[in-house]
Amino acid sequence: MPQAKPRLGLRSRVHGIMLCASVPHRRQRSQTLMKCRQASSPARRISADEAAALVTSNSWLDYGACLNQPTAFDRALARRVGEVENVKIRSTLSLRPRAVIEADPDGRSFHMFSWHFSGLDRRYHNAGRCHYSPLNLGEVPDYYRRFLDPIDITVLQVCPPDVEGRYNFGPTLLWYRALIESSRCVIVEVSPHLPPVKGDDCFIHASEIDYWIEGDNEALAQLPNPPPSDACRRVAQLILGELEDGSCLQIGIGGMPNAVCSLLADSSIQNLSIHTEMMTDGLAALYQAGKITGMHKRIDVGLNVYTFALGSTSLYQTLEGNDAFSIRRVDYTNAPEIIQMNDRVVSINNTTQIDLQGQIASESHGHRHISGTGGQLQFVRGAYASRGGKAFVCLTSTYERHGERRSRITLDLTAGNIVTTPRSDAMYIVTEYGMVNLKGKSVPERARALIGLAHPDYREGLERQAYERRLLARGVWF
């Protein structure tokens, strides 16, 4: 570990920015230049309480995302409730209770802001303690560089350093390079449980770090993978019929995308590739089954590209030190102009509601926020632009709320619902009752096709509403 050295206080510290060559993967054709933050002096080891003492009122903090969110620092900071005020903390996909929020239910000191909600973030949002920031996930590095004020303190959980003083981020990269560049102070919390992964710019060097602290030695959080329902399996079977040898996969969160992976593993389809935002257990299982070769990719040939991973211990073990997987920045993985460079890209994502014109609402229920835009829209556009590409958005036809069954296919979106994918971008829509490609279809054709995907109990009412609102034209057949 780095040796301790007398340091200045946070507010009097300065750092510079230098250009350095990123470490290229052996299959990359050229090096790129990235900005490397330069700390004012070598990283100093301090306690979690000493790190939390650096936080002042009105500060912006950043906890990163997923497995990199700190635990020891978070608990130490929670002990300062009432000592500071208006401390704003940005995070993404919280997997464990945030001590600062649990200790401060009335918001006297701390406030959370999220780029994408987990179930826990949603619970905090329902209590008025966490707020969403709208985005396309692949644009976030640009937000840090162009639009956000410098971050006062960034705290990330990282792997122990290697012999060259590099702290691997583990299976999450996202926008960390941009975040570190824009941070006034960088603290890392060292965890022996994070698995070091292979990829580009997937570490922070000791020279970029101001302080380091020991983590709490907690095991990694896992994302449960519940078995798919019968409806999910029927949806997956329909999508499977559209896949072919050499398809390049992007799989989102949820039972339906994972059901597709399960069916693929038992199918005759071969030589698949991966270029995705999130690496999932389903994709890792396809790799273990020998279905993934990457041989037909036009870029990153032979590599399974992703920007973060969430799942089981088995997934993390698959990624650890595995040269077949390459973690990349989110502005690379999610850029439509990059996605489309591979042929036969298949994007599979979930939604919660779609109206009869094809507007897709995937992130809220009215004004109650559920998740986030994530990379859905960017991958829908990238897959469509790919030669032979296909973008699938899938949903079950109904859901239950307060004991009442409701249709997910509706005349209008729920009041306050956020459109994640516009009707002009919608391609394949799939429910357990069928699949339709909306590209090129008129509004009456869309309405008729989507009514056919609804649960039979709701089709007659939807048809009547569509005629009343002139979405369906009388005297015309399709």
Protein backbone atom coordinates (compact mmCIF):
# COMPACT_ATOMS: atom_id res chain seq x y z
CA MET A 1 0.00 0.00 0.00
CA PRO A 2 1.16 3.60 -0.52
CA GLN A 3 3.15 5.08 2.34
CA ALA A 4 1.66 7.84 4.49
CA LYS A 5 2.86 11.39 4.04
CA PRO A 6 1.86 14.64 5.83
CA ARG A 7 -0.92 16.25 3.84
CA LEU A 8 -2.76 19.55 3.57
CA GLY A 9 -6.45 19.91 4.27
CA LEU A 10 -8.97 19.42 1.49
CA ARG A 11 -9.71 23.06 0.79
CA SER A 12 -6.04 24.04 0.34
CA ARG A 13 -5.16 21.09 -1.87
CA VAL A 14 -4.66 21.43 -5.59
CA HIS A 15 -4.23 18.98 -8.44
CA GLY A 16 -3.34 19.13 -12.08
CA ILE A 17 -4.42 17.28 -15.19
CA MET A 18 -1.96 15.54 -17.47
CA LEU A 19 -2.34 13.56 -20.66
CA CYS A 20 -1.29 9.93 -20.66
CA ALA A 21 -1.73 6.98 -22.97
CA SER A 22 -4.52 4.62 -22.05
CA VAL A 23 -3.52 0.99 -21.84
CA PRO A 24 -4.67 -0.52 -25.15
CA HIS A 25 -6.11 -3.98 -25.40
CA ARG A 26 -3.89 -6.24 -27.48
CA ARG A 27 -6.52 -6.27 -30.25
CA GLN A 28 -6.91 -2.52 -30.48
CA ARG A 29 -5.30 -0.93 -33.50
CA SER A 30 -4.17 2.29 -31.88
CA GLN A 31 -3.68 4.02 -28.57
CA THR A 32 -5.93 6.81 -27.39
CA LEU A 33 -5.14 9.66 -25.07
CA MET A 34 -7.03 10.22 -21.86
CA LYS A 35 -6.75 12.82 -19.14
CA CYS A 36 -5.22 11.61 -15.90
CA ARG A 37 -5.84 13.50 -12.71
CA GLN A 38 -2.65 14.30 -10.79
CA ALA A 39 -2.91 14.46 -6.99
CA SER A 40 -0.79 17.08 -5.22
CA SER A 41 1.22 14.38 -3.42
CA PRO A 42 1.21 10.56 -3.03
CA ALA A 43 -1.93 9.02 -1.62
CA ARG A 44 -2.14 8.95 2.15
CA ARG A 45 -3.86 6.29 4.21
CA ILE A 46 -6.46 7.67 6.62
CA SER A 47 -9.36 6.22 8.58
CA ALA A 48 -12.94 6.29 7.35
CA ASP A 49 -13.81 8.83 10.06
CA GLU A 50 -10.93 11.07 8.97
CA ALA A 51 -12.13 10.83 5.38
CA ALA A 52 -15.69 11.72 6.41
CA ALA A 53 -14.34 14.71 8.34
CA LEU A 54 -13.24 16.25 5.03
CA VAL A 55 -16.88 16.76 4.03
CA THR A 56 -18.23 20.27 4.57
CA SER A 57 -21.72 21.73 4.26
CA ASN A 58 -22.99 22.43 0.74
CA SER A 59 -20.57 19.93 -0.81
CA TRP A 60 -21.20 17.69 -3.81
CA LEU A 61 -20.05 14.10 -3.29
CA ASP A 62 -20.02 11.24 -5.78
CA TYR A 63 -20.33 7.58 -4.76
CA GLY A 64 -19.99 6.14 -8.26
CA ALA A 65 -22.21 3.17 -9.10
CA CYS A 66 -23.10 -0.41 -8.31
CA LEU A 67 -20.30 -2.38 -6.64
CA ASN A 68 -18.05 0.68 -6.33
CA GLN A 69 -20.25 2.56 -3.88
CA PRO A 70 -18.38 2.91 -0.57
CA THR A 71 -19.52 1.29 2.67
CA ALA A 72 -16.98 2.24 5.35
CA PHE A 73 -16.95 5.88 4.24
CA ASP A 74 -20.74 5.96 3.99
CA ARG A 75 -21.14 4.71 7.57
CA ALA A 76 -18.56 7.16 8.86
CA LEU A 77 -20.28 10.05 7.09
CA ALA A 78 -23.64 8.97 8.52
CA ARG A 79 -22.22 9.56 11.98
CA ARG A 80 -21.97 13.26 11.09
CA VAL A 81 -25.73 13.78 10.74
CA GLY A 82 -26.51 17.20 12.17
CA GLU A 83 -22.90 18.43 11.87
CA VAL A 84 -23.23 19.37 8.18
CA GLU A 85 -26.11 20.44 5.98
CA ASN A 86 -27.07 20.39 2.31
CA VAL A 87 -24.55 17.68 1.38
CA LYS A 88 -25.59 16.29 -1.99
CA ILE A 89 -24.48 12.79 -2.99
CA ARG A 90 -24.69 11.43 -6.52
CA SER A 91 -24.86 7.66 -7.07
CA THR A 92 -26.25 4.99 -9.38
CA LEU A 93 -27.97 1.65 -8.73
CA SER A 94 -27.53 1.41 -4.98
CA LEU A 95 -27.31 -2.24 -3.95
CA ARG A 96 -27.06 -1.83 -0.18
CA PRO A 97 -28.84 0.55 2.22
CA ARG A 98 -27.13 3.94 2.24
CA ALA A 99 -26.17 4.73 5.83
CA VAL A 100 -26.36 8.48 5.23
CA ILE A 101 -30.03 8.19 4.23
CA GLU A 102 -30.99 5.62 6.86
CA ALA A 103 -29.49 7.85 9.57
CA ASP A 104 -31.08 11.03 8.19
CA PRO A 105 -34.71 10.26 7.27
CA ASP A 106 -35.71 13.93 7.48
CA GLY A 107 -32.93 15.22 5.22
CA ARG A 108 -31.24 17.43 7.79
CA SER A 109 -27.80 16.78 6.31
CA PHE A 110 -27.75 14.49 3.26
CA HIS A 111 -29.57 14.25 -0.06
CA MET A 112 -29.21 11.53 -2.73
CA PHE A 113 -29.34 12.01 -6.49
CA SER A 114 -29.25 9.05 -8.88
CA TRP A 115 -28.48 8.48 -12.56
CA HIS A 116 -30.50 5.22 -12.42
CA PHE A 117 -32.70 3.75 -9.70
CA SER A 118 -32.39 0.35 -8.12
CA GLY A 119 -35.24 -1.00 -6.01
CA LEU A 120 -33.56 0.57 -2.98
CA ASP A 121 -33.22 3.96 -4.67
CA ARG A 122 -36.89 3.73 -5.60
CA ARG A 123 -37.79 3.20 -1.95
CA TYR A 124 -35.76 6.27 -1.01
CA HIS A 125 -37.46 8.21 -3.80
CA ASN A 126 -40.89 7.23 -2.48
CA ALA A 127 -39.84 8.72 0.86
CA GLY A 128 -38.59 11.91 -0.81
CA ARG A 129 -34.94 11.08 -0.07
CA CYS A 130 -33.57 10.31 -3.53
CA HIS A 131 -34.06 12.17 -6.80
CA TYR A 132 -33.54 11.14 -10.42
CA SER A 133 -31.40 12.93 -13.01
CA PRO A 134 -32.72 12.40 -16.58
CA LEU A 135 -30.17 11.24 -19.13
CA ASN A 136 -29.05 8.87 -21.81
CA LEU A 137 -26.56 6.77 -19.88
CA GLY A 138 -23.93 6.90 -22.59
CA GLU A 139 -23.85 10.71 -22.40
CA VAL A 140 -22.92 10.94 -18.72
CA PRO A 141 -19.14 11.36 -19.24
CA ASP A 142 -19.94 14.45 -21.30
CA TYR A 143 -22.13 15.79 -18.48
CA TYR A 144 -19.20 15.65 -16.05
CA ARG A 145 -16.85 17.29 -18.53
CA ARG A 146 -19.17 19.99 -19.89
CA PHE A 147 -22.16 20.69 -17.69
CA LEU A 148 -21.60 19.72 -14.05
CA ASP A 149 -19.66 21.73 -11.51
CA PRO A 150 -16.50 20.03 -10.23
CA ILE A 151 -17.17 17.32 -7.66
CA ASP A 152 -15.85 18.21 -4.21
CA ILE A 153 -15.14 14.64 -3.13
CA THR A 154 -15.43 11.37 -5.06
CA VAL A 155 -15.33 8.13 -3.07
CA LEU A 156 -15.08 4.81 -4.92
CA GLN A 157 -14.59 1.26 -3.72
CA VAL A 158 -11.73 -0.37 -5.67
CA CYS A 159 -9.56 -3.47 -5.80
CA PRO A 160 -6.23 -3.57 -3.93
CA PRO A 161 -3.39 -2.05 -6.00
CA ASP A 162 -1.19 -4.10 -8.30
CA VAL A 163 2.62 -3.86 -8.34
CA GLU A 164 2.42 -0.80 -10.58
CA GLY A 165 0.15 1.10 -8.19
CA ARG A 166 -3.02 0.64 -10.24
CA TYR A 167 -6.34 0.13 -8.43
CA ASN A 168 -8.72 -1.80 -10.70
CA PHE A 169 -12.34 -0.63 -10.56
CA GLY A 170 -13.66 -4.17 -10.88
CA PRO A 171 -16.67 -4.95 -13.13
CA THR A 172 -17.95 -1.35 -13.34
CA LEU A 173 -16.40 1.42 -15.42
CA LEU A 174 -19.18 3.64 -16.83
CA TRP A 175 -18.04 7.30 -16.56
CA TYR A 176 -15.31 6.96 -13.93
CA ARG A 177 -12.54 8.54 -16.00
CA ALA A 178 -14.61 11.70 -16.54
CA LEU A 179 -15.68 11.70 -12.89
CA ILE A 180 -12.10 11.48 -11.63
CA GLU A 181 -10.96 14.23 -13.98
CA SER A 182 -13.60 16.58 -12.56
CA SER A 183 -13.03 15.80 -8.86
CA ARG A 184 -11.28 18.12 -6.43
CA CYS A 185 -10.52 15.24 -4.07
CA VAL A 186 -10.48 11.50 -4.79
CA ILE A 187 -10.73 8.90 -2.02
CA VAL A 188 -10.63 5.17 -2.69
CA GLU A 189 -11.95 2.51 -0.34
CA VAL A 190 -10.01 -0.73 -0.84
CA SER A 191 -12.00 -3.97 -0.95
CA PRO A 192 -10.37 -7.40 -1.30
CA HIS A 193 -13.60 -8.83 -2.72
CA LEU A 194 -13.85 -6.78 -5.93
CA PRO A 195 -12.63 -8.91 -8.86
CA PRO A 196 -10.10 -7.14 -11.13
CA VAL A 197 -11.24 -7.25 -14.76
CA LYS A 198 -9.67 -6.68 -18.15
CA GLY A 199 -10.40 -3.72 -20.40
CA ASP A 200 -9.54 -0.14 -21.27
CA ASP A 201 -9.05 2.58 -18.63
CA CYS A 202 -10.31 0.16 -15.98
CA PHE A 203 -8.14 1.42 -13.12
CA ILE A 204 -7.09 4.51 -11.22
CA HIS A 205 -3.40 5.02 -10.53
CA ALA A 206 -2.06 5.87 -7.08
CA SER A 207 -0.83 9.21 -8.44
CA GLU A 208 -4.45 10.24 -9.06
CA ILE A 209 -5.60 9.45 -5.52
CA ASP A 210 -5.57 11.85 -2.57
CA TYR A 211 -6.49 9.42 0.23
CA TRP A 212 -7.19 5.73 0.62
CA ILE A 213 -9.08 3.92 3.36
CA GLU A 214 -9.67 0.29 4.23
CA GLY A 215 -13.07 -1.09 3.32
CA ASP A 216 -15.41 -3.02 5.59
CA ASN A 217 -14.48 -6.37 4.05
CA GLU A 218 -18.09 -7.05 3.05
CA ALA A 219 -18.93 -9.62 0.38
CA LEU A 220 -20.07 -8.23 -2.96
CA ALA A 221 -23.74 -7.44 -3.39
CA GLN A 222 -25.57 -9.71 -5.81
CA LEU A 223 -28.52 -9.10 -8.11
CA PRO A 224 -31.10 -11.89 -7.78
CA ASN A 225 -32.13 -13.72 -10.94
CA PRO A 226 -35.67 -15.01 -10.34
CA PRO A 227 -36.84 -17.79 -12.67
CA PRO A 228 -38.77 -16.50 -15.70
CA SER A 229 -42.54 -16.74 -15.73
CA ASP A 230 -44.48 -18.63 -18.40
CA ALA A 231 -45.25 -15.30 -20.09
CA CYS A 232 -41.54 -14.43 -20.14
CA ARG A 233 -40.74 -17.78 -21.75
CA ARG A 234 -43.36 -17.23 -24.47
CA VAL A 235 -41.91 -13.79 -25.21
CA ALA A 236 -38.41 -15.25 -25.31
CA GLN A 237 -39.51 -17.98 -27.73
CA LEU A 238 -40.85 -15.36 -30.13
CA ILE A 239 -37.62 -13.35 -30.01
CA LEU A 240 -35.53 -16.49 -30.46
CA GLY A 241 -37.15 -17.02 -33.84
CA GLU A 242 -35.68 -13.73 -35.03
CA LEU A 243 -32.09 -14.49 -33.99
CA GLU A 244 -29.48 -16.07 -36.24
CA ASP A 245 -25.90 -17.27 -36.22
CA GLY A 246 -23.52 -14.36 -35.66
CA SER A 247 -26.01 -12.07 -33.89
CA CYS A 248 -24.42 -9.48 -31.56
CA LEU A 249 -26.33 -9.25 -28.29
CA GLN A 250 -27.32 -6.45 -25.94
CA ILE A 251 -29.38 -7.72 -23.03
CA GLY A 252 -31.10 -5.52 -20.48
CA ILE A 253 -32.18 -6.20 -16.90
CA GLY A 254 -35.09 -8.52 -16.23
CA GLY A 255 -36.64 -11.93 -16.56
CA MET A 256 -37.48 -11.70 -20.26
CA PRO A 257 -33.94 -10.96 -21.53
CA ASN A 258 -32.56 -13.70 -19.26
CA ALA A 259 -35.19 -16.10 -20.57
CA VAL A 260 -33.90 -15.40 -24.09
CA CYS A 261 -30.40 -16.36 -22.95
CA SER A 262 -31.69 -19.62 -21.46
CA LEU A 263 -33.40 -20.58 -24.72
CA LEU A 264 -30.36 -19.57 -26.76
CA ALA A 265 -28.17 -21.87 -24.69
CA ASP A 266 -30.34 -24.83 -25.75
CA SER A 267 -30.73 -23.73 -29.39
CA SER A 268 -28.69 -24.50 -32.50
CA ILE A 269 -27.67 -20.84 -32.93
CA GLN A 270 -23.89 -20.40 -32.81
CA ASN A 271 -21.06 -17.85 -32.91
CA LEU A 272 -22.87 -15.10 -31.05
CA SER A 273 -21.19 -11.87 -29.92
CA ILE A 274 -21.70 -9.43 -27.06
CA HIS A 275 -21.66 -5.63 -27.13
CA THR A 276 -23.79 -4.54 -24.20
CA GLU A 277 -24.21 -1.97 -21.47
CA MET A 278 -24.76 -4.51 -18.70
CA MET A 279 -23.12 -7.91 -18.43
CA THR A 280 -25.63 -10.35 -16.96
CA ASP A 281 -25.67 -13.90 -15.65
CA GLY A 282 -27.57 -14.93 -18.77
CA LEU A 283 -24.84 -13.64 -21.08
CA ALA A 284 -22.12 -15.23 -18.94
CA ALA A 285 -23.97 -18.55 -19.11
CA LEU A 286 -24.01 -18.33 -22.92
CA TYR A 287 -20.25 -17.77 -22.84
CA GLN A 288 -19.77 -20.78 -20.56
CA ALA A 289 -21.93 -22.85 -22.90
CA GLY A 290 -19.63 -22.04 -25.83
CA LYS A 291 -22.24 -20.00 -27.71
CA ILE A 292 -20.19 -16.78 -27.63
CA THR A 293 -17.19 -16.48 -29.94
CA GLY A 294 -17.31 -12.88 -31.21
CA MET A 295 -15.81 -14.07 -34.47
CA HIS A 296 -18.33 -12.20 -36.65
CA LYS A 297 -17.87 -8.78 -35.04
CA ARG A 298 -16.57 -5.97 -37.21
CA ILE A 299 -15.06 -4.16 -34.22
CA ASP A 300 -13.62 -5.66 -31.01
CA VAL A 301 -13.41 -9.02 -32.74
CA GLY A 302 -13.42 -11.87 -30.24
CA LEU A 303 -14.15 -9.59 -27.27
CA ASN A 304 -17.26 -9.45 -25.09
CA VAL A 305 -17.68 -5.72 -24.49
CA TYR A 306 -19.60 -4.22 -21.57
CA THR A 307 -19.47 -1.21 -19.23
CA PHE A 308 -20.81 -2.70 -15.96
CA ALA A 309 -21.87 -6.05 -14.57
CA LEU A 310 -24.44 -7.02 -11.97
CA GLY A 311 -25.47 -10.49 -10.97
CA SER A 312 -24.25 -13.48 -9.03
CA THR A 313 -20.88 -14.48 -7.63
CA SER A 314 -20.58 -16.81 -10.62
CA LEU A 315 -20.79 -13.84 -12.98
CA TYR A 316 -18.09 -11.95 -11.12
CA GLN A 317 -15.87 -15.03 -11.15
CA THR A 318 -16.36 -15.40 -14.90
CA LEU A 319 -15.21 -11.82 -15.48
CA GLU A 320 -12.23 -11.82 -13.13
CA GLY A 321 -9.02 -11.55 -15.15
CA ASN A 322 -10.76 -13.00 -18.23
CA ASP A 323 -9.19 -11.76 -21.48
CA ALA A 324 -12.35 -12.66 -23.43
CA PHE A 325 -14.24 -9.83 -21.67
CA SER A 326 -13.35 -6.17 -22.13
CA ILE A 327 -14.87 -3.44 -19.97
CA ARG A 328 -15.17 -0.07 -21.73
CA ARG A 329 -16.35 3.45 -20.98
CA VAL A 330 -20.10 3.95 -21.30
CA ASP A 331 -19.68 6.62 -23.98
CA TYR A 332 -18.15 3.83 -26.09
CA THR A 333 -20.50 0.94 -25.30
CA ASN A 334 -23.68 3.00 -25.60
CA ALA A 335 -22.87 5.29 -28.53
CA PRO A 336 -25.25 4.41 -31.42
CA GLU A 337 -22.51 5.18 -33.93
CA ILE A 338 -20.33 2.53 -32.25
CA ILE A 339 -23.13 0.00 -31.74
CA GLN A 340 -24.11 0.09 -35.41
CA MET A 341 -20.59 -0.81 -36.53
CA ASN A 342 -21.25 -4.46 -35.72
CA ASP A 343 -23.63 -6.38 -37.96
CA ARG A 344 -26.82 -8.10 -36.79
CA VAL A 345 -26.98 -6.28 -33.46
CA VAL A 346 -29.90 -7.53 -31.38
CA SER A 347 -31.08 -5.27 -28.55
CA ILE A 348 -33.51 -6.79 -26.02
CA ASN A 349 -35.03 -4.56 -23.33
CA ASN A 350 -38.08 -4.43 -21.08
CA THR A 351 -40.75 -1.81 -20.72
CA THR A 352 -43.70 -1.24 -18.41
CA GLN A 353 -46.23 0.46 -20.71
CA ILE A 354 -46.83 1.27 -24.38
CA ASP A 355 -49.64 3.29 -25.93
CA LEU A 356 -51.46 2.51 -29.16
CA GLN A 357 -49.18 4.79 -31.19
CA GLY A 358 -46.02 3.04 -30.01
CA GLN A 359 -44.71 5.39 -27.32
CA ILE A 360 -42.67 3.28 -24.91
CA ALA A 361 -42.61 4.22 -21.20
CA SER A 362 -40.02 2.17 -19.32
CA GLU A 363 -38.95 4.20 -16.29
CA SER A 364 -41.89 5.58 -14.32
CA HIS A 365 -45.43 4.96 -13.20
CA GLY A 366 -46.96 8.38 -13.55
CA HIS A 367 -44.87 10.78 -11.50
CA ARG A 368 -43.44 7.94 -9.42
CA HIS A 369 -40.00 7.17 -10.79
CA ILE A 370 -39.08 3.47 -11.11
CA SER A 371 -35.70 3.06 -12.82
CA GLY A 372 -34.24 5.26 -15.55
CA THR A 373 -33.71 5.72 -19.26
CA GLY A 374 -30.40 3.89 -19.04
CA GLY A 375 -29.16 2.85 -22.45
CA GLN A 376 -32.48 1.70 -23.88
CA LEU A 377 -32.95 4.48 -26.43
CA GLN A 378 -29.30 4.47 -27.52
CA PHE A 379 -29.32 0.71 -28.11
CA VAL A 380 -32.68 0.83 -29.89
CA ARG A 381 -31.19 3.36 -32.28
CA GLY A 382 -27.84 1.60 -32.60
CA ALA A 383 -29.42 -1.80 -33.28
CA TYR A 384 -31.77 -0.35 -35.88
CA ALA A 385 -28.84 1.30 -37.70
CA SER A 386 -26.79 -1.94 -37.62
CA ARG A 387 -26.78 -3.97 -40.84
CA GLY A 388 -29.41 -6.64 -40.20
CA GLY A 389 -29.97 -5.31 -36.69
CA LYS A 390 -33.15 -5.65 -34.64
CA ALA A 391 -34.35 -3.83 -31.52
CA PHE A 392 -36.87 -5.66 -29.33
CA VAL A 393 -38.83 -4.06 -26.50
CA CYS A 394 -40.81 -6.63 -24.56
CA LEU A 395 -43.47 -6.61 -21.87
CA THR A 396 -46.11 -8.81 -20.34
CA SER A 397 -49.58 -7.84 -21.48
CA THR A 398 -50.88 -7.19 -17.94
CA TYR A 399 -49.76 -6.41 -14.41
CA GLU A 400 -51.41 -6.26 -11.01
CA ARG A 401 -51.64 -3.17 -8.83
CA HIS A 402 -53.47 -3.11 -5.50
CA GLY A 403 -55.03 -6.45 -6.36
CA GLU A 404 -56.39 -5.21 -9.70
CA ARG A 405 -55.22 -6.53 -13.06
CA ARG A 406 -54.44 -3.84 -15.63
CA SER A 407 -53.31 -3.74 -19.25
CA ARG A 408 -49.81 -2.56 -20.08
CA ILE A 409 -51.00 -1.67 -23.60
CA THR A 410 -53.19 1.41 -23.32
CA LEU A 411 -54.81 4.09 -25.42
CA ASP A 412 -52.79 6.78 -23.63
CA LEU A 413 -49.86 6.54 -21.29
CA THR A 414 -50.58 6.99 -17.60
CA ALA A 415 -50.66 10.71 -16.76
CA GLY A 416 -47.15 11.81 -15.87
CA ASN A 417 -45.49 8.76 -17.44
CA ILE A 418 -42.13 9.41 -19.08
CA VAL A 419 -41.54 8.38 -22.69
CA THR A 420 -38.27 6.42 -22.81
CA THR A 421 -38.36 5.45 -26.49
CA PRO A 422 -40.39 7.67 -28.88
CA ARG A 423 -42.86 6.09 -31.27
CA SER A 424 -40.58 7.05 -34.17
CA ASP A 425 -37.83 4.80 -32.77
CA ALA A 426 -39.96 1.81 -31.77
CA MET A 427 -39.17 -1.33 -33.76
CA TYR A 428 -40.20 -4.80 -32.55
CA ILE A 429 -42.75 -4.94 -29.70
CA VAL A 430 -43.28 -8.34 -28.07
CA THR A 431 -45.77 -9.69 -25.53
CA GLU A 432 -46.75 -13.26 -24.73
CA TYR A 433 -49.48 -12.88 -27.39
CA GLY A 434 -47.26 -12.02 -30.32
CA MET A 435 -44.75 -9.69 -31.93
CA VAL A 436 -45.00 -6.76 -34.33
CA ASN A 437 -42.48 -4.57 -36.15
CA LEU A 438 -43.80 -1.00 -36.00
CA LYS A 439 -41.31 0.45 -38.50
CA GLY A 440 -43.13 1.95 -41.49
CA LYS A 441 -46.59 1.42 -40.04
CA SER A 442 -49.23 4.16 -39.98
CA VAL A 443 -51.02 5.09 -36.77
CA PRO A 444 -54.06 2.92 -37.63
CA GLU A 445 -51.77 -0.02 -38.47
CA ARG A 446 -49.88 0.43 -35.22
CA ALA A 447 -53.06 0.64 -33.17
CA ARG A 448 -54.48 -2.50 -34.77
CA ALA A 449 -51.23 -4.44 -34.33
CA LEU A 450 -50.73 -3.40 -30.70
CA ILE A 451 -54.32 -4.23 -29.79
CA GLY A 452 -53.54 -7.72 -31.07
CA LEU A 453 -50.67 -7.96 -28.56
CA ALA A 454 -52.88 -7.00 -25.61
CA HIS A 455 -54.51 -9.51 -23.28
CA PRO A 456 -57.75 -10.75 -24.91
CA ASP A 457 -59.83 -9.32 -22.06
CA TYR A 458 -58.79 -5.78 -23.03
CA ARG A 459 -58.84 -5.88 -26.81
CA GLU A 460 -62.47 -4.93 -27.33
CA GLY A 461 -62.18 -1.90 -25.03
CA LEU A 462 -58.95 -0.78 -26.67
CA GLU A 463 -60.49 -1.08 -30.12
CA ARG A 464 -63.51 0.99 -29.08
CA GLN A 465 -61.26 3.68 -27.60
CA ALA A 466 -59.09 3.71 -30.73
CA TYR A 467 -62.11 4.31 -32.95
CA GLU A 468 -63.41 7.06 -30.64
CA ARG A 469 -60.05 8.89 -30.82
CA ARG A 470 -59.73 8.36 -34.59
CA LEU A 471 -56.64 6.16 -34.22
CA LEU A 472 -58.47 3.47 -36.17
CA ALA A 473 -60.07 4.42 -39.47
CA ARG A 474 -63.41 2.94 -40.52
CA GLY A 475 -63.60 1.27 -43.89
CA VAL A 476 -59.88 0.44 -44.01
CA TRP A 477 -58.47 -3.08 -43.58
CA PHE A 478 -54.90 -4.14 -42.88
